[in-house]
């Protein structure tokens, strides 16, 4: 199974390198539309290779998706933590009741009663 994972990673790496090599042309990336940048008397533009724009967009989309999913699952994580706390409390109560039940009995009989 480990080799299948390594094979998938290698294929993915070859695909990324081929995309990068095929899109090396420089493009101008503008941060604001020209109409708005004229109002503020600034024109922020950056020259960079197209593959940086493509891979940066994919990375930004993944990060936004991960954060969105983490926020969406907050309720489920809170409920799971609440249930885990309740389970620990009930386990402590059960252990206490079992100890009270076997108080004053012979140790061997108490162990047999616990097992059965």
Protein backbone atom coordinates (compact mmCIF):
# COMPACT_ATOMS: atom_id res chain seq x y z
CA UNK A 1 0.00 0.00 0.00
CA UNK A 2 2.91 2.30 0.76
CA UNK A 3 4.26 1.87 -2.77
CA UNK A 4 0.90 2.79 -4.28
CA UNK A 5 0.99 6.03 -2.26
CA UNK A 6 4.54 6.77 -3.43
CA UNK A 7 3.48 6.09 -7.03
CA UNK A 8 0.55 8.51 -6.71
CA UNK A 9 2.80 11.19 -5.22
CA UNK A 10 5.34 10.70 -8.04
CA UNK A 11 2.62 10.98 -10.71
CA UNK A 12 1.28 14.12 -9.05
CA UNK A 13 4.80 15.62 -8.89
CA UNK A 14 5.44 14.87 -12.57
CA UNK A 15 2.10 16.51 -13.48
CA UNK A 16 2.97 19.65 -11.47
CA UNK A 17 6.41 19.91 -13.05
CA UNK A 18 4.96 19.48 -16.55
CA UNK A 19 2.37 22.21 -15.88
CA UNK A 20 5.14 24.49 -14.61
CA UNK A 21 7.34 23.85 -17.66
CA UNK A 22 4.46 24.33 -20.10
CA UNK A 23 3.39 27.67 -18.54
CA UNK A 24 6.62 29.59 -18.08
CA UNK A 25 5.46 32.71 -19.93
CA UNK A 26 5.44 35.91 -17.87
CA UNK A 27 2.02 37.45 -17.22
CA UNK A 28 1.01 40.68 -15.57
CA UNK A 29 -1.13 40.17 -12.48
CA UNK A 30 -3.06 43.31 -11.49
CA UNK A 31 -4.41 43.62 -7.98
CA UNK A 32 -7.10 46.20 -8.87
CA UNK A 33 -9.09 46.88 -12.04
CA UNK A 34 -7.72 49.81 -14.05
CA UNK A 35 -10.85 51.93 -13.35
CA UNK A 36 -10.47 51.64 -9.59
CA UNK A 37 -6.68 51.98 -9.60
CA UNK A 38 -7.10 55.29 -11.50
CA UNK A 39 -9.20 56.69 -8.67
CA UNK A 40 -6.50 55.95 -6.11
CA UNK A 41 -3.61 56.96 -8.41
CA UNK A 42 -1.92 53.58 -8.10
CA UNK A 43 -1.57 50.61 -10.37
CA UNK A 44 -0.30 47.60 -8.46
CA UNK A 45 0.79 45.02 -11.04
CA UNK A 46 3.18 42.13 -10.65
CA UNK A 47 5.00 40.26 -13.41
CA UNK A 48 5.29 36.54 -12.72
CA UNK A 49 5.23 33.21 -14.57
CA UNK A 50 1.81 31.81 -15.36
CA UNK A 51 2.45 28.55 -13.48
CA UNK A 52 2.95 30.52 -10.25
CA UNK A 53 -0.48 32.08 -10.72
CA UNK A 54 -2.06 28.69 -11.48
CA UNK A 55 -0.44 26.79 -8.61
CA UNK A 56 -0.96 29.70 -6.21
CA UNK A 57 -4.66 29.74 -7.05
CA UNK A 58 -4.94 26.00 -6.45
CA UNK A 59 -3.12 26.34 -3.12
CA UNK A 60 -5.30 29.29 -2.06
CA UNK A 61 -8.44 27.30 -2.94
CA UNK A 62 -7.26 24.32 -0.90
CA UNK A 63 -6.48 26.49 2.12
CA UNK A 64 -9.84 28.27 1.94
CA UNK A 65 -11.60 24.89 1.63
CA UNK A 66 -9.76 23.45 4.63
CA UNK A 67 -10.57 26.46 6.80
CA UNK A 68 -14.20 26.43 5.65
CA UNK A 69 -14.53 22.72 6.49
CA UNK A 70 -12.84 23.17 9.88
CA UNK A 71 -15.32 25.94 10.75
CA UNK A 72 -18.26 23.87 9.48
CA UNK A 73 -17.31 20.87 11.64
CA UNK A 74 -17.01 22.89 14.86
CA UNK A 75 -20.39 21.70 16.15
CA UNK A 76 -19.56 18.05 15.54
CA UNK A 77 -16.20 18.36 17.33
CA UNK A 78 -17.85 20.11 20.28
CA UNK A 79 -20.51 17.40 20.53
CA UNK A 80 -17.87 14.63 20.40
CA UNK A 81 -15.89 16.31 23.19
CA UNK A 82 -19.07 16.64 25.28
CA UNK A 83 -19.87 12.96 24.80
CA UNK A 84 -16.31 11.96 25.73
CA UNK A 85 -16.54 13.98 28.96
CA UNK A 86 -19.89 12.38 29.79
CA UNK A 87 -18.50 8.91 29.10
CA UNK A 88 -15.52 9.50 31.42
CA UNK A 89 -17.88 10.77 34.15
CA UNK A 90 -20.14 7.73 33.82
CA UNK A 91 -17.14 5.37 33.84
CA UNK A 92 -15.89 6.93 37.10
CA UNK A 93 -19.38 6.59 38.61
CA UNK A 94 -19.59 2.95 37.51
CA UNK A 95 -16.18 2.18 39.03
CA UNK A 96 -17.27 3.85 42.27
CA UNK A 97 -20.51 1.83 42.41
CA UNK A 98 -18.65 -1.42 41.72
CA UNK A 99 -16.18 -0.64 44.51
CA UNK A 100 -19.08 0.05 46.92
CA UNK A 101 -20.80 -3.19 45.92
CA UNK A 102 -17.72 -5.28 46.72
CA UNK A 103 -16.79 -3.43 49.89
CA UNK A 104 -16.24 -5.80 52.81
CA UNK A 105 -16.29 -8.95 50.62
CA UNK A 106 -13.51 -11.41 50.15
CA UNK A 107 -11.11 -10.26 47.41
CA UNK A 108 -11.39 -13.48 45.42
CA UNK A 109 -15.18 -13.37 45.43
CA UNK A 110 -15.12 -9.69 44.44
CA UNK A 111 -12.82 -10.45 41.48
CA UNK A 112 -15.03 -13.34 40.37
CA UNK A 113 -18.12 -11.14 40.63
CA UNK A 114 -16.40 -8.41 38.60
CA UNK A 115 -15.40 -10.86 35.88
CA UNK A 116 -18.86 -12.36 35.57
